[in-house]
Protein backbone atom coordinates (compact mmCIF):
# COMPACT_ATOMS: atom_id res chain seq x y z
CA MET A 1 -17.23 26.41 20.08
CA LYS A 2 -13.57 25.51 21.50
CA ASP A 3 -15.16 23.64 24.41
CA LYS A 4 -17.47 21.78 22.08
CA ASP A 5 -14.29 20.87 19.70
CA THR A 6 -12.78 19.53 22.90
CA LEU A 7 -15.51 17.35 23.95
CA LEU A 8 -16.02 15.99 20.67
CA GLN A 9 -12.44 14.97 20.34
CA ASN A 10 -13.00 12.44 23.29
CA ALA A 11 -16.61 11.51 22.39
CA GLY A 12 -18.31 8.26 20.58
CA ILE A 13 -18.18 7.97 16.96
CA ASN A 14 -21.97 8.74 16.76
CA THR A 15 -21.73 11.70 18.66
CA ARG A 16 -19.05 13.22 16.58
CA LEU A 17 -20.79 12.17 13.40
CA SER A 18 -23.96 14.34 14.81
CA HIS A 19 -21.95 17.33 15.23
CA ILE A 20 -19.15 17.63 13.19
CA GLY A 21 -19.13 20.00 10.13
CA ASN A 22 -21.82 22.11 11.53
CA SER A 23 -21.85 25.37 13.54
CA PRO A 24 -25.65 26.57 14.11
CA SER A 25 -24.13 29.93 15.57
CA ASP A 26 -22.60 30.75 12.18
CA PHE A 27 -26.10 30.57 10.65
CA HIS A 28 -28.56 32.06 12.82
CA GLY A 29 -29.00 29.11 14.91
CA PHE A 30 -30.04 26.94 12.05
CA VAL A 31 -28.87 23.22 12.56
CA ASN A 32 -27.81 22.61 9.46
CA PRO A 33 -25.32 24.55 7.17
CA PRO A 34 -27.38 26.35 4.45
CA VAL A 35 -26.80 25.05 0.58
CA VAL A 36 -24.93 27.90 -1.08
CA HIS A 37 -25.20 28.12 -4.92
CA ALA A 38 -22.35 30.00 -5.90
CA SER A 39 -19.98 30.87 -9.04
CA THR A 40 -19.43 34.43 -8.80
CA VAL A 41 -18.09 36.14 -5.29
CA LEU A 42 -18.10 39.78 -4.86
CA PHE A 43 -15.10 41.80 -3.44
CA PRO A 44 -15.86 44.99 -1.18
CA ASN A 45 -12.90 47.03 -3.22
CA ALA A 46 -10.23 46.45 -5.97
CA ARG A 47 -7.79 46.07 -3.51
CA THR A 48 -9.51 43.11 -1.86
CA MET A 49 -10.05 41.77 -5.33
CA GLU A 50 -6.39 41.90 -6.14
CA THR A 51 -5.04 40.27 -3.08
CA ARG A 52 -8.00 37.96 -2.68
CA ASP A 53 -7.87 39.01 1.05
CA GLN A 54 -11.35 37.30 1.74
CA LYS A 55 -12.27 33.67 3.00
CA TYR A 56 -14.49 32.99 -0.57
CA THR A 57 -13.17 34.13 -3.80
CA TYR A 58 -14.93 31.83 -6.51
CA GLY A 59 -17.46 28.98 -6.31
CA THR A 60 -14.83 26.44 -7.43
CA ARG A 61 -12.60 27.07 -4.36
CA GLY A 62 -15.17 26.33 -1.82
CA THR A 63 -18.64 27.66 -0.07
CA PRO A 64 -19.64 27.44 3.33
CA THR A 65 -21.56 24.36 2.36
CA THR A 66 -18.64 22.43 0.66
CA ASP A 67 -16.33 23.75 3.68
CA ALA A 68 -18.87 22.38 6.45
CA LEU A 69 -18.26 18.91 4.65
CA CYS A 70 -14.46 19.26 4.18
CA GLU A 71 -14.39 20.22 7.97
CA ALA A 72 -16.37 17.32 8.94
CA ILE A 73 -14.36 14.85 6.95
CA ASP A 74 -10.98 16.43 8.15
CA ALA A 75 -12.58 15.65 11.70
CA LEU A 76 -12.82 12.06 10.83
CA GLU A 77 -9.64 11.85 9.22
CA GLY A 78 -7.40 13.74 11.14
CA SER A 79 -6.29 15.51 8.03
CA ALA A 80 -4.87 18.82 7.40
CA GLY A 81 -7.36 19.69 4.78
CA THR A 82 -9.84 17.77 2.17
CA ILE A 83 -10.89 18.53 -1.13
CA ILE A 84 -14.61 17.10 -2.69
CA VAL A 85 -14.81 16.05 -6.38
CA PRO A 86 -17.47 14.78 -8.13
CA SER A 87 -17.08 10.88 -7.96
CA GLY A 88 -15.09 8.40 -6.34
CA LEU A 89 -12.96 7.78 -9.43
CA ALA A 90 -12.13 11.56 -9.38
CA ALA A 91 -10.89 11.18 -5.93
CA LEU A 92 -8.49 8.83 -7.34
CA THR A 93 -7.28 10.60 -10.24
CA VAL A 94 -6.61 14.28 -8.87
CA PRO A 95 -3.87 13.13 -6.35
CA PHE A 96 -2.39 10.93 -8.79
CA LEU A 97 -2.16 13.94 -11.20
CA ALA A 98 -0.94 15.80 -8.14
CA PHE A 99 2.02 14.13 -7.20
CA LEU A 100 3.12 12.10 -10.57
CA SER A 101 4.95 13.73 -13.62
CA ALA A 102 6.59 12.54 -16.72
CA GLY A 103 9.13 10.04 -15.95
CA ASP A 104 7.93 8.87 -12.81
CA HIS A 105 7.29 5.42 -11.66
CA ALA A 106 4.01 4.35 -9.54
CA LEU A 107 3.51 1.55 -7.61
CA ILE A 108 -0.17 0.50 -7.85
CA VAL A 109 -1.56 -2.65 -6.03
CA ASP A 110 -2.69 -5.15 -7.86
CA SER A 111 -6.37 -5.64 -6.33
CA VAL A 112 -7.08 -1.83 -7.06
CA TYR A 113 -10.38 -0.75 -8.10
CA GLY A 114 -10.84 -1.64 -11.77
CA PRO A 115 -11.60 2.00 -12.90
CA THR A 116 -8.18 3.13 -11.12
CA ARG A 117 -6.28 0.41 -13.23
CA ILE A 118 -7.86 1.84 -16.44
CA PHE A 119 -6.71 5.38 -15.53
CA CYS A 120 -3.03 4.03 -14.81
CA ASP A 121 -3.02 1.81 -17.84
CA THR A 122 -4.21 4.86 -20.34
CA MET A 123 -3.99 8.54 -19.02
CA LEU A 124 -1.01 8.21 -16.73
CA GLN A 125 1.02 6.10 -19.14
CA ARG A 126 -0.07 8.32 -21.96
CA LEU A 127 1.48 11.23 -19.68
CA GLY A 128 4.66 9.43 -19.13
CA VAL A 129 4.26 7.65 -16.20
CA GLU A 130 5.48 4.41 -15.63
CA ILE A 131 3.17 1.75 -13.81
CA GLU A 132 3.86 -1.36 -12.05
CA TYR A 133 1.41 -3.41 -10.18
CA TYR A 134 2.37 -5.27 -6.96
CA ASP A 135 1.24 -8.24 -4.77
CA PRO A 136 -1.20 -6.67 -1.88
CA LEU A 137 0.44 -9.06 0.32
CA VAL A 138 3.93 -7.73 -0.18
CA GLY A 139 4.02 -5.91 3.00
CA ALA A 140 7.69 -4.48 3.93
CA GLY A 141 8.88 -6.35 0.53
CA ILE A 142 7.37 -3.15 -1.34
CA GLU A 143 10.84 -1.83 -0.66
CA GLN A 144 12.54 -4.21 -3.49
CA LEU A 145 10.20 -2.71 -5.86
CA ILE A 146 10.87 1.12 -5.52
CA LYS A 147 13.29 2.58 -8.04
CA PRO A 148 14.98 5.70 -7.85
CA THR A 149 12.36 7.13 -9.95
CA THR A 150 9.43 5.89 -7.82
CA LYS A 151 7.33 8.66 -6.42
CA LEU A 152 3.90 7.12 -5.47
CA VAL A 153 2.74 3.83 -3.89
CA HIS A 154 -0.82 3.45 -3.83
CA THR A 155 -2.89 1.14 -1.53
CA GLU A 156 -6.42 -0.23 -1.35
CA ALA A 157 -7.48 -2.37 1.91
CA PRO A 158 -9.16 -4.62 1.59
CA GLY A 159 -8.97 -4.97 -1.92
CA SER A 160 -11.49 -4.72 -4.66
CA ASN A 161 -13.56 -7.77 -5.25
CA THR A 162 -11.09 -10.11 -3.24
CA PHE A 163 -10.57 -8.35 -0.37
CA GLU A 164 -7.03 -9.09 0.18
CA MET A 165 -5.46 -6.81 3.18
CA GLN A 166 -2.35 -5.08 3.11
CA ASP A 167 0.03 -3.92 5.80
CA ILE A 168 -0.32 -0.52 5.35
CA SER A 169 2.16 0.80 7.91
CA ALA A 170 4.80 -1.32 6.74
CA ILE A 171 4.20 -0.07 3.32
CA SER A 172 4.05 3.49 4.34
CA THR A 173 7.32 3.31 6.24
CA ALA A 174 9.41 1.46 3.50
CA ALA A 175 7.85 4.03 0.91
CA HIS A 176 8.75 7.02 3.04
CA ARG A 177 12.60 5.96 3.23
CA HIS A 178 12.51 6.67 -0.41
CA GLY A 179 10.76 9.76 -0.37
CA CYS A 180 7.49 8.22 -2.16
CA VAL A 181 4.07 9.64 -1.60
CA VAL A 182 1.62 6.79 0.01
CA THR A 183 -1.93 7.12 -1.24
CA MET A 184 -4.89 4.89 0.06
CA ASP A 185 -8.44 4.18 -1.28
CA ASN A 186 -10.28 3.58 1.95
CA THR A 187 -13.75 3.30 0.84
CA TRP A 188 -14.41 -0.10 2.16
CA ALA A 189 -13.69 0.96 6.02
CA THR A 190 -14.42 4.61 6.01
CA PRO A 191 -12.58 6.63 8.80
CA ILE A 192 -14.54 5.05 11.29
CA TYR A 193 -13.21 1.88 10.93
CA PHE A 194 -10.04 2.62 9.58
CA ARG A 195 -7.88 6.16 9.60
CA PRO A 196 -4.99 5.69 7.17
CA LEU A 197 -3.26 8.75 7.82
CA ASP A 198 -2.46 7.35 11.49
CA HIS A 199 -0.90 4.30 9.78
CA GLY A 200 1.65 6.43 7.70
CA VAL A 201 -0.68 7.16 4.78
CA ASP A 202 -0.24 10.72 3.25
CA ILE A 203 -3.45 10.79 1.07
CA SER A 204 -6.61 9.06 2.09
CA ILE A 205 -9.16 8.94 -0.57
CA HIS A 206 -12.92 7.73 -0.37
CA ALA A 207 -15.65 7.42 -2.87
CA ALA A 208 -18.47 9.31 -0.46
CA THR A 209 -20.80 7.95 -3.21
CA LYS A 210 -20.77 4.72 -0.85
CA TYR A 211 -21.26 4.98 3.29
CA PRO A 212 -21.08 8.62 3.64
CA ALA A 213 -23.72 9.51 1.12
CA GLY A 214 -25.62 6.13 1.84
CA HIS A 215 -28.60 6.17 -0.25
CA SER A 216 -27.64 5.28 -3.71
CA ASP A 217 -28.38 8.82 -5.25
CA ILE A 218 -25.14 10.88 -5.03
CA LEU A 219 -21.88 10.77 -6.71
CA MET A 220 -18.71 12.33 -4.57
CA GLY A 221 -15.26 11.70 -3.59
CA THR A 222 -13.17 12.91 -0.95
CA VAL A 223 -9.53 13.33 -0.75
CA SER A 224 -7.70 14.05 2.61
CA ALA A 225 -4.19 15.04 3.05
CA ASN A 226 -1.83 15.24 5.97
CA ALA A 227 0.28 18.54 6.57
CA ALA A 228 3.21 17.86 4.12
CA HIS A 229 1.17 17.00 1.10
CA TRP A 230 -1.85 19.53 1.70
CA ASP A 231 -0.81 22.53 -0.09
CA GLN A 232 0.07 20.33 -3.14
CA LEU A 233 -2.95 18.55 -3.38
CA ARG A 234 -5.09 21.62 -2.93
CA GLU A 235 -3.09 23.63 -5.48
CA ALA A 236 -3.31 20.58 -8.18
CA ASN A 237 -7.20 20.69 -7.65
CA ILE A 238 -7.35 24.34 -8.05
CA GLN A 239 -5.45 24.10 -11.26
CA LEU A 240 -7.59 21.13 -12.41
CA GLY A 241 -10.77 22.96 -11.81
CA ILE A 242 -12.72 20.17 -10.13
CA CYS A 243 -14.97 20.54 -7.55
CA GLY A 244 -18.13 19.08 -5.68
CA ALA A 245 -21.69 20.51 -5.90
CA PRO A 246 -23.02 22.31 -3.14
CA ASP A 247 -26.49 20.06 -3.17
CA ASP A 248 -24.34 17.02 -3.40
CA ALA A 249 -22.32 18.04 -0.41
CA TYR A 250 -25.31 18.79 1.60
CA GLN A 251 -26.79 15.42 1.22
CA VAL A 252 -23.13 13.74 1.92
CA LEU A 253 -22.98 15.76 5.02
CA ARG A 254 -26.63 14.84 6.10
CA GLY A 255 -25.52 11.05 5.21
CA LEU A 256 -22.74 11.30 7.64
CA ARG A 257 -25.14 11.85 10.67
CA THR A 258 -26.41 8.23 10.32
CA MET A 259 -23.35 6.55 9.04
CA GLY A 260 -22.20 5.17 12.29
CA VAL A 261 -25.57 3.23 12.86
CA ARG A 262 -25.79 2.48 9.16
CA LEU A 263 -22.60 0.79 9.29
CA GLU A 264 -23.06 -0.96 12.47
CA ARG A 265 -26.14 -2.89 10.78
CA HIS A 266 -24.13 -3.39 7.52
CA GLN A 267 -21.49 -5.09 9.55
CA GLU A 268 -23.59 -7.36 11.61
CA SER A 269 -25.78 -8.32 8.69
CA ALA A 270 -22.77 -9.11 6.27
CA LEU A 271 -21.11 -11.11 9.09
CA ALA A 272 -24.03 -13.26 9.43
CA ILE A 273 -24.51 -13.84 5.93
CA ALA A 274 -20.67 -14.39 5.50
CA GLN A 275 -20.59 -16.88 8.09
CA TRP A 276 -23.66 -18.82 6.87
CA LEU A 277 -22.21 -19.31 3.22
CA GLU A 278 -19.08 -20.37 4.62
CA GLY A 279 -20.96 -23.52 6.09
CA ARG A 280 -22.52 -24.31 2.71
CA LYS A 281 -21.13 -27.18 0.14
CA ASP A 282 -22.28 -25.01 -2.59
CA VAL A 283 -20.11 -22.36 -1.68
CA ALA A 284 -16.05 -23.00 -2.08
CA ARG A 285 -14.80 -19.91 -0.47
CA VAL A 286 -15.89 -16.75 1.35
CA LEU A 287 -13.88 -13.59 0.69
CA HIS A 288 -14.33 -11.60 4.17
CA PRO A 289 -11.56 -10.04 5.90
CA ALA A 290 -13.27 -10.38 9.30
CA LEU A 291 -13.79 -13.98 8.87
CA PRO A 292 -10.62 -15.85 11.31
CA SER A 293 -10.55 -18.29 7.91
CA PHE A 294 -9.75 -15.39 5.54
CA PRO A 295 -5.99 -15.70 5.07
CA SER A 296 -5.19 -11.96 6.04
CA HIS A 297 -7.46 -11.75 8.90
CA GLU A 298 -4.86 -11.03 11.52
CA LEU A 299 -3.90 -7.75 9.54
CA TRP A 300 -7.61 -6.62 9.72
CA LYS A 301 -8.02 -7.82 13.26
CA ARG A 302 -4.98 -5.67 14.35
CA ASP A 303 -5.49 -2.61 12.19
CA PHE A 304 -8.97 -2.43 11.80
CA LYS A 305 -11.93 -1.45 14.19
CA GLY A 306 -14.56 -3.01 12.15
CA SER A 307 -16.11 -4.03 8.59
CA SER A 308 -18.47 -3.21 6.46
CA GLY A 309 -21.22 -4.31 4.03
CA ILE A 310 -19.62 -5.84 1.07
CA PHE A 311 -17.74 -9.11 0.49
CA SER A 312 -17.54 -11.82 -2.24
CA PHE A 313 -17.99 -15.76 -2.39
CA VAL A 314 -16.64 -18.30 -4.58
CA LEU A 315 -19.31 -20.29 -5.93
CA ALA A 316 -18.43 -24.16 -6.15
CA ALA A 317 -19.00 -24.26 -9.70
CA GLY A 318 -16.92 -27.33 -10.92
CA SER A 319 -15.88 -27.24 -14.78
CA PRO A 320 -14.70 -23.85 -15.71
CA ASP A 321 -16.74 -23.52 -18.93
CA LYS A 322 -19.82 -23.42 -16.66
CA TYR A 323 -18.63 -20.48 -14.50
CA LYS A 324 -20.26 -17.57 -16.50
CA ALA A 325 -23.64 -19.69 -16.59
CA LYS A 326 -23.88 -20.46 -13.19
CA ALA A 327 -22.90 -16.77 -12.14
CA HIS A 328 -25.67 -15.48 -13.95
CA ALA A 329 -28.36 -17.85 -13.14
CA PHE A 330 -27.61 -17.30 -9.58
CA LEU A 331 -27.60 -13.20 -10.40
CA ASP A 332 -30.84 -13.79 -12.25
CA ALA A 333 -32.96 -15.64 -9.42
CA LEU A 334 -32.14 -12.73 -7.10
CA ARG A 335 -35.48 -10.48 -6.22
CA ILE A 336 -34.00 -8.49 -3.14
CA PHE A 337 -30.58 -8.10 -4.40
CA GLY A 338 -30.62 -5.33 -7.14
CA LEU A 339 -27.62 -6.20 -9.95
CA GLY A 340 -25.62 -3.04 -9.67
CA TYR A 341 -21.94 -2.05 -9.49
CA SER A 342 -22.32 0.56 -6.79
CA TRP A 343 -22.57 -0.25 -2.98
CA GLY A 344 -22.64 1.40 0.38
CA GLY A 345 -26.34 2.23 0.08
CA PHE A 346 -29.58 1.11 1.84
CA GLU A 347 -30.23 -1.95 -0.43
CA SER A 348 -28.20 -5.28 -1.45
CA LEU A 349 -26.58 -5.35 -4.51
CA ALA A 350 -24.97 -8.47 -6.16
CA VAL A 351 -22.55 -8.32 -9.35
CA HIS A 352 -20.37 -11.14 -11.02
CA VAL A 353 -16.94 -9.80 -10.56
CA TYR A 354 -14.24 -9.57 -13.47
CA LEU A 355 -10.74 -10.42 -12.28
CA GLY A 356 -9.00 -10.79 -15.92
CA ASP A 357 -7.28 -7.84 -15.34
CA ARG A 358 -5.04 -8.93 -12.80
CA ARG A 359 -1.30 -9.04 -13.39
CA ILE A 360 0.12 -10.48 -10.35
CA THR A 361 -2.63 -11.82 -7.91
CA LYS A 362 -4.50 -14.87 -9.35
CA ALA A 363 -8.36 -15.10 -9.51
CA PRO A 364 -9.80 -17.95 -7.39
CA THR A 365 -9.82 -21.22 -9.54
CA GLU A 366 -12.83 -23.11 -7.76
CA GLY A 367 -15.75 -20.96 -9.33
CA PRO A 368 -16.93 -17.77 -10.11
CA VAL A 369 -16.36 -14.83 -7.82
CA LEU A 370 -19.78 -12.90 -6.76
CA ARG A 371 -19.73 -9.67 -5.14
CA LEU A 372 -22.49 -8.94 -2.22
CA GLN A 373 -23.40 -5.81 -1.00
CA ILE A 374 -25.44 -6.51 2.42
CA GLY A 375 -27.93 -3.84 2.67
CA LEU A 376 -30.45 -2.89 5.63
CA GLU A 377 -32.94 -5.39 4.85
CA ASP A 378 -33.56 -8.44 7.42
CA VAL A 379 -30.95 -11.25 7.47
CA ALA A 380 -33.66 -13.92 6.98
CA ASP A 381 -35.00 -12.19 3.57
CA ILE A 382 -31.46 -11.71 2.29
CA LYS A 383 -30.75 -15.53 2.98
CA ALA A 384 -33.90 -16.54 1.51
CA ASP A 385 -33.13 -14.82 -1.49
CA ILE A 386 -29.58 -15.94 -1.82
CA GLU A 387 -31.03 -19.40 -1.61
CA LYS A 388 -32.99 -18.97 -4.73
CA GLY A 389 -29.71 -17.77 -6.39
CA LEU A 390 -27.93 -20.73 -5.13
CA ALA A 391 -30.58 -23.33 -6.02
CA ALA A 392 -30.73 -21.65 -9.86
CA ALA A 393 -26.82 -21.85 -10.00
CA LYS A 394 -26.89 -25.57 -9.13
CA GLU A 395 -29.26 -26.50 -11.92
CA ALA A 396 -27.48 -24.36 -14.60
């Protein structure tokens, strides 16, 4: 196995995805690890039970199935350890609870995933944590916002719905000068296209619901930590009693095998659609960081190895009182696109973006923002469906 591990360190991403997180020799030669359903784990004697001196002690603390997924994610992230939790939102809330206490101050990027904002504004504030939102483009200027009580800086790149890029390395460097923990929601890029820990982040967070699972039927989150923060994250997770189910872990591990080739297709199709939309008069702006026209494109180009299948565009809608009607007309005319809040699966999805909760960054003013998840369908068919939506919006 050591020879194989050494080989995989220098192998291509699809080779690695095909072989990480499995050890056939441990399971009688079967390629995939078994699904171990467990709550109770037995001990051979009272002394072992007292000291818990065996690998598995209780179902919430891991099984061979969940460990296989955690090992695969660690291999991708370069992390000291990974926990799996039942959803992407749980993957965000667990590290916040692990590293924040009453009286602490947390800096949260203003382009943050909406449910994360709700958690911060409700539960964290109720627990006595001071929340402050900051401009995603602040970069090293984050240092001016850090207080003596600041304990955590949360980042997300690109930002939810409007896709602003952040200078993760500069933010991490500034935050670490003041002893802050840096967390990052990296769901958009996955560790294939961006590895947060390589850029100074302490805790890398993913909704494995999206590209790792890839088939719109699993809810799961992963949280990966560097060595300095792994013990505290792991201990908090145990105290909270939050764990991922073995069946779901198996499905995510299975999804990882094809994530590389799926992401290539998502990236190629999404860029083709984004470039096509950019040339249309009925589209005011396209919000995709891999487009040279995007304001923070250079940051994406410097740090990221690729782009995924989700981006937004601003519909040219004229009067603000028509924004909602035109957005709804666009969505209701779609047939290949489903109307759904998730993304990362095989199918195309669309949603009218809500930006009314922003504190610092302003919503585009030219029209409503529509977010597209470009699936694995043929580009010509996706374009034809969007054409129907744009035609309907024009008439609304």
